[in-house]
């Protein structure tokens, strides 16, 4: 008799579907339910959605959350749940062909982030060496 259940062994080869905390899913679904009531259920599958609209919404919710406001004034739900909902809609739109990609796409950000990180690390190293 084998020590491993065959269903468990087979299931272990599949993509995990049990790692997102239920609390996050519940919060996001609460926001999605309000959006369904406000705009219509699955409206994001009826008409295309554009990246910049969701980038703006994500930034607004994140800025408010970063500033210490946990709860959105209109919905009474977490700003983080709103961000999750926005990301979910953007991902769904990409998968279903309903995504209008109007991002700026300069190609500058990745290299600039690397350069800034390198400059920062060089500064810290030089500063620390000068102090010792």
Foldseek 3Di string as FASTA:
>chain_A
DDPDDPVVVVVVVDDDPPPDDPVLVVLLVLVLVVVCVVPNHPVCLVAADEDVVLVVLLVVLVVCVVVPDQADPPRRGGSVSVNVNSVVSQVVCVVNVRYDYPDPPPVPPVVVVVVVVVVVVVVVVVVVVVVD
